């Protein structure tokens, strides 16, 4: 004789499922966020090094402008700009050409005594992680 679930057994299984499913989902979502954050922090660290090296080269080879993130050289002008979350260096070919310096950049501005870069990464619809990196340099 085959026997199926009784109503009590079915209620117990459903109750366990109702408790376990949200717990497992929450744990996996948090784990996914932590992995994403770790990858993003590595990207920020790499970008910080790149920006620091480029900024050092730009300030040695030219004069920083106070009204924009730009550097005047004897033969050209180099500008830095954020477009679609990417920090771009725009310059003619004799000054090294244009190239991307960093991604996930939200804002870029001169601050007292240096350059402030804010990186941002959206983790979920309602959660954005930000990191502010300050590069000390002489600005006019």
C-alpha atoms as a PDB file:
ATOM      1  CA  UNK A   1       0.000   0.000   0.000  1.00  0.00           C
ATOM      2  CA  UNK A   2       1.460   3.353  -1.030  1.00  0.00           C
ATOM      3  CA  UNK A   3       1.313   6.136   1.410  1.00  0.00           C
ATOM      4  CA  UNK A   4       1.541   9.874   0.532  1.00  0.00           C
ATOM      5  CA  UNK A   5       2.198  12.859   2.700  1.00  0.00           C
ATOM      6  CA  UNK A   6      -0.271  13.538   5.430  1.00  0.00           C
ATOM      7  CA  UNK A   7      -1.385  17.100   5.965  1.00  0.00           C
ATOM      8  CA  UNK A   8       0.829  17.419   9.062  1.00  0.00           C
ATOM      9  CA  UNK A   9       3.919  16.145   7.225  1.00  0.00           C
ATOM     10  CA  UNK A  10       3.219  18.498   4.325  1.00  0.00           C
ATOM     11  CA  UNK A  11       2.827  21.424   6.735  1.00  0.00           C
ATOM     12  CA  UNK A  12       6.180  20.571   8.367  1.00  0.00           C
ATOM     13  CA  UNK A  13       7.991  20.376   5.010  1.00  0.00           C
ATOM     14  CA  UNK A  14       6.470  23.670   3.850  1.00  0.00           C
ATOM     15  CA  UNK A  15       7.352  25.379   7.146  1.00  0.00           C
ATOM     16  CA  UNK A  16      10.966  24.246   6.874  1.00  0.00           C
ATOM     17  CA  UNK A  17      11.067  25.439   3.258  1.00  0.00           C
ATOM     18  CA  UNK A  18       9.601  28.824   4.199  1.00  0.00           C
ATOM     19  CA  UNK A  19      12.318  29.258   6.821  1.00  0.00           C
ATOM     20  CA  UNK A  20      15.293  27.879   4.875  1.00  0.00           C
ATOM     21  CA  UNK A  21      14.757  29.448   1.444  1.00  0.00           C
ATOM     22  CA  UNK A  22      15.032  33.114   2.616  1.00  0.00           C
ATOM     23  CA  UNK A  23      18.040  32.272   4.802  1.00  0.00           C
ATOM     24  CA  UNK A  24      19.883  30.576   1.936  1.00  0.00           C
ATOM     25  CA  UNK A  25      18.954  33.362  -0.493  1.00  0.00           C
ATOM     26  CA  UNK A  26      20.159  36.073   1.923  1.00  0.00           C
ATOM     27  CA  UNK A  27      23.441  34.280   2.527  1.00  0.00           C
ATOM     28  CA  UNK A  28      24.083  33.809  -1.188  1.00  0.00           C
ATOM     29  CA  UNK A  29      23.227  37.451  -1.949  1.00  0.00           C
ATOM     30  CA  UNK A  30      25.639  38.653   0.736  1.00  0.00           C
ATOM     31  CA  UNK A  31      28.338  36.329  -0.546  1.00  0.00           C
ATOM     32  CA  UNK A  32      27.817  37.620  -4.088  1.00  0.00           C
ATOM     33  CA  UNK A  33      28.053  41.224  -2.830  1.00  0.00           C
ATOM     34  CA  UNK A  34      31.308  40.444  -1.014  1.00  0.00           C
ATOM     35  CA  UNK A  35      32.859  38.883  -4.125  1.00  0.00           C
ATOM     36  CA  UNK A  36      31.769  41.861  -6.222  1.00  0.00           C
ATOM     37  CA  UNK A  37      33.185  44.267  -3.629  1.00  0.00           C
ATOM     38  CA  UNK A  38      36.499  42.429  -3.534  1.00  0.00           C
ATOM     39  CA  UNK A  39      36.827  42.597  -7.325  1.00  0.00           C
ATOM     40  CA  UNK A  40      35.857  46.279  -7.280  1.00  0.00           C
ATOM     41  CA  UNK A  41      38.420  47.069  -4.565  1.00  0.00           C
ATOM     42  CA  UNK A  42      41.118  45.435  -6.697  1.00  0.00           C
ATOM     43  CA  UNK A  43      40.002  47.566  -9.665  1.00  0.00           C
ATOM     44  CA  UNK A  44      40.177  50.702  -7.495  1.00  0.00           C
ATOM     45  CA  UNK A  45      43.674  49.762  -6.303  1.00  0.00           C
ATOM     46  CA  UNK A  46      44.883  49.237  -9.881  1.00  0.00           C
ATOM     47  CA  UNK A  47      43.261  52.468 -11.025  1.00  0.00           C
ATOM     48  CA  UNK A  48      44.784  54.362  -8.089  1.00  0.00           C
ATOM     49  CA  UNK A  49      48.258  53.332  -9.141  1.00  0.00           C
ATOM     50  CA  UNK A  50      47.601  54.242 -12.785  1.00  0.00           C
ATOM     51  CA  UNK A  51      46.104  57.630 -11.914  1.00  0.00           C
ATOM     52  CA  UNK A  52      48.941  58.411  -9.499  1.00  0.00           C
ATOM     53  CA  UNK A  53      51.616  57.605 -12.077  1.00  0.00           C
ATOM     54  CA  UNK A  54      49.853  59.582 -14.822  1.00  0.00           C
ATOM     55  CA  UNK A  55      49.284  62.543 -12.498  1.00  0.00           C
ATOM     56  CA  UNK A  56      52.952  62.585 -11.526  1.00  0.00           C
ATOM     57  CA  UNK A  57      53.989  62.569 -15.189  1.00  0.00           C
ATOM     58  CA  UNK A  58      51.482  65.302 -16.084  1.00  0.00           C
ATOM     59  CA  UNK A  59      52.557  67.632 -13.260  1.00  0.00           C
ATOM     60  CA  UNK A  60      56.248  67.118 -14.085  1.00  0.00           C
ATOM     61  CA  UNK A  61      55.725  67.780 -17.787  1.00  0.00           C
ATOM     62  CA  UNK A  62      53.225  70.620 -17.558  1.00  0.00           C
ATOM     63  CA  UNK A  63      51.310  73.092 -15.453  1.00  0.00           C
ATOM     64  CA  UNK A  64      47.960  72.167 -13.943  1.00  0.00           C
ATOM     65  CA  UNK A  65      45.003  74.413 -14.745  1.00  0.00           C
ATOM     66  CA  UNK A  66      42.734  75.392 -11.868  1.00  0.00           C
ATOM     67  CA  UNK A  67      39.538  75.794 -13.913  1.00  0.00           C
ATOM     68  CA  UNK A  68      39.554  72.237 -15.343  1.00  0.00           C
ATOM     69  CA  UNK A  69      41.371  68.975 -14.866  1.00  0.00           C
ATOM     70  CA  UNK A  70      43.909  69.854 -17.515  1.00  0.00           C
ATOM     71  CA  UNK A  71      47.642  70.291 -17.891  1.00  0.00           C
ATOM     72  CA  UNK A  72      49.345  72.802 -20.159  1.00  0.00           C
ATOM     73  CA  UNK A  73      52.521  71.614 -21.800  1.00  0.00           C
ATOM     74  CA  UNK A  74      54.807  73.526 -24.102  1.00  0.00           C
ATOM     75  CA  UNK A  75      53.448  71.766 -27.196  1.00  0.00           C
ATOM     76  CA  UNK A  76      49.894  70.728 -26.235  1.00  0.00           C
ATOM     77  CA  UNK A  77      47.140  70.550 -23.648  1.00  0.00           C
ATOM     78  CA  UNK A  78      46.157  67.350 -21.845  1.00  0.00           C
ATOM     79  CA  UNK A  79      42.658  67.133 -20.346  1.00  0.00           C
ATOM     80  CA  UNK A  80      41.145  64.544 -18.035  1.00  0.00           C
ATOM     81  CA  UNK A  81      37.419  63.920 -18.155  1.00  0.00           C
ATOM     82  CA  UNK A  82      34.892  61.392 -16.857  1.00  0.00           C
ATOM     83  CA  UNK A  83      32.562  59.956 -19.509  1.00  0.00           C
ATOM     84  CA  UNK A  84      30.147  57.103 -18.846  1.00  0.00           C
ATOM     85  CA  UNK A  85      32.026  56.110 -15.698  1.00  0.00           C
ATOM     86  CA  UNK A  86      35.428  56.028 -17.404  1.00  0.00           C
ATOM     87  CA  UNK A  87      38.266  58.446 -16.652  1.00  0.00           C
ATOM     88  CA  UNK A  88      39.754  59.461 -19.992  1.00  0.00           C
ATOM     89  CA  UNK A  89      42.979  61.281 -20.792  1.00  0.00           C
ATOM     90  CA  UNK A  90      42.531  63.365 -23.958  1.00  0.00           C
ATOM     91  CA  UNK A  91      45.694  64.555 -25.676  1.00  0.00           C
ATOM     92  CA  UNK A  92      47.062  64.832 -29.195  1.00  0.00           C
ATOM     93  CA  UNK A  93      49.500  62.186 -30.458  1.00  0.00           C
ATOM     94  CA  UNK A  94      52.691  64.195 -29.661  1.00  0.00           C
ATOM     95  CA  UNK A  95      51.643  64.248 -25.995  1.00  0.00           C
ATOM     96  CA  UNK A  96      50.985  60.528 -25.733  1.00  0.00           C
ATOM     97  CA  UNK A  97      47.533  60.325 -27.294  1.00  0.00           C
ATOM     98  CA  UNK A  98      44.174  59.647 -25.711  1.00  0.00           C
ATOM     99  CA  UNK A  99      43.521  56.659 -23.468  1.00  0.00           C
ATOM    100  CA  UNK A 100      41.372  55.416 -20.634  1.00  0.00           C
ATOM    101  CA  UNK A 101      42.884  55.601 -17.152  1.00  0.00           C
ATOM    102  CA  UNK A 102      40.216  54.088 -14.895  1.00  0.00           C
ATOM    103  CA  UNK A 103      36.672  52.753 -14.862  1.00  0.00           C
ATOM    104  CA  UNK A 104      33.828  53.107 -12.358  1.00  0.00           C
ATOM    105  CA  UNK A 105      34.811  56.746 -11.746  1.00  0.00           C
ATOM    106  CA  UNK A 106      31.951  58.917 -10.558  1.00  0.00           C
ATOM    107  CA  UNK A 107      33.599  62.325 -10.124  1.00  0.00           C
ATOM    108  CA  UNK A 108      36.964  63.973 -10.542  1.00  0.00           C
ATOM    109  CA  UNK A 109      37.841  67.379  -9.078  1.00  0.00           C
ATOM    110  CA  UNK A 110      40.609  69.529  -7.749  1.00  0.00           C
ATOM    111  CA  UNK A 111      40.526  69.731  -3.948  1.00  0.00           C
ATOM    112  CA  UNK A 112      42.744  71.615  -1.509  1.00  0.00           C
ATOM    113  CA  UNK A 113      46.234  70.341  -2.199  1.00  0.00           C
ATOM    114  CA  UNK A 114      45.451  67.729  -4.782  1.00  0.00           C
ATOM    115  CA  UNK A 115      43.090  65.739  -6.954  1.00  0.00           C
ATOM    116  CA  UNK A 116      40.059  63.916  -5.555  1.00  0.00           C
ATOM    117  CA  UNK A 117      38.658  60.916  -7.412  1.00  0.00           C
ATOM    118  CA  UNK A 118      35.430  59.207  -6.332  1.00  0.00           C
ATOM    119  CA  UNK A 119      34.904  55.663  -7.543  1.00  0.00           C
ATOM    120  CA  UNK A 120      31.399  54.175  -7.449  1.00  0.00           C
ATOM    121  CA  UNK A 121      30.030  50.695  -8.048  1.00  0.00           C
ATOM    122  CA  UNK A 122      26.352  49.736  -7.964  1.00  0.00           C
ATOM    123  CA  UNK A 123      25.878  46.461  -6.129  1.00  0.00           C
ATOM    124  CA  UNK A 124      22.106  46.336  -6.105  1.00  0.00           C
ATOM    125  CA  UNK A 125      19.356  48.717  -7.142  1.00  0.00           C
ATOM    126  CA  UNK A 126      19.374  50.393  -3.742  1.00  0.00           C
ATOM    127  CA  UNK A 127      23.064  50.002  -2.834  1.00  0.00           C
ATOM    128  CA  UNK A 128      26.020  51.896  -4.275  1.00  0.00           C
ATOM    129  CA  UNK A 129      29.515  51.467  -2.864  1.00  0.00           C
ATOM    130  CA  UNK A 130      31.801  54.506  -3.094  1.00  0.00           C
ATOM    131  CA  UNK A 131      35.495  55.043  -2.447  1.00  0.00           C
ATOM    132  CA  UNK A 132      37.231  58.417  -2.392  1.00  0.00           C
ATOM    133  CA  UNK A 133      40.925  58.563  -3.256  1.00  0.00           C
ATOM    134  CA  UNK A 134      42.957  61.737  -2.756  1.00  0.00           C
ATOM    135  CA  UNK A 135      46.149  62.372  -4.754  1.00  0.00           C
ATOM    136  CA  UNK A 136      48.248  65.138  -3.216  1.00  0.00           C
ATOM    137  CA  UNK A 137      49.808  67.452  -5.770  1.00  0.00           C
ATOM    138  CA  UNK A 138      50.564  71.124  -6.310  1.00  0.00           C
ATOM    139  CA  UNK A 139      47.663  72.823  -8.053  1.00  0.00           C
ATOM    140  CA  UNK A 140      47.359  76.518  -8.822  1.00  0.00           C
END
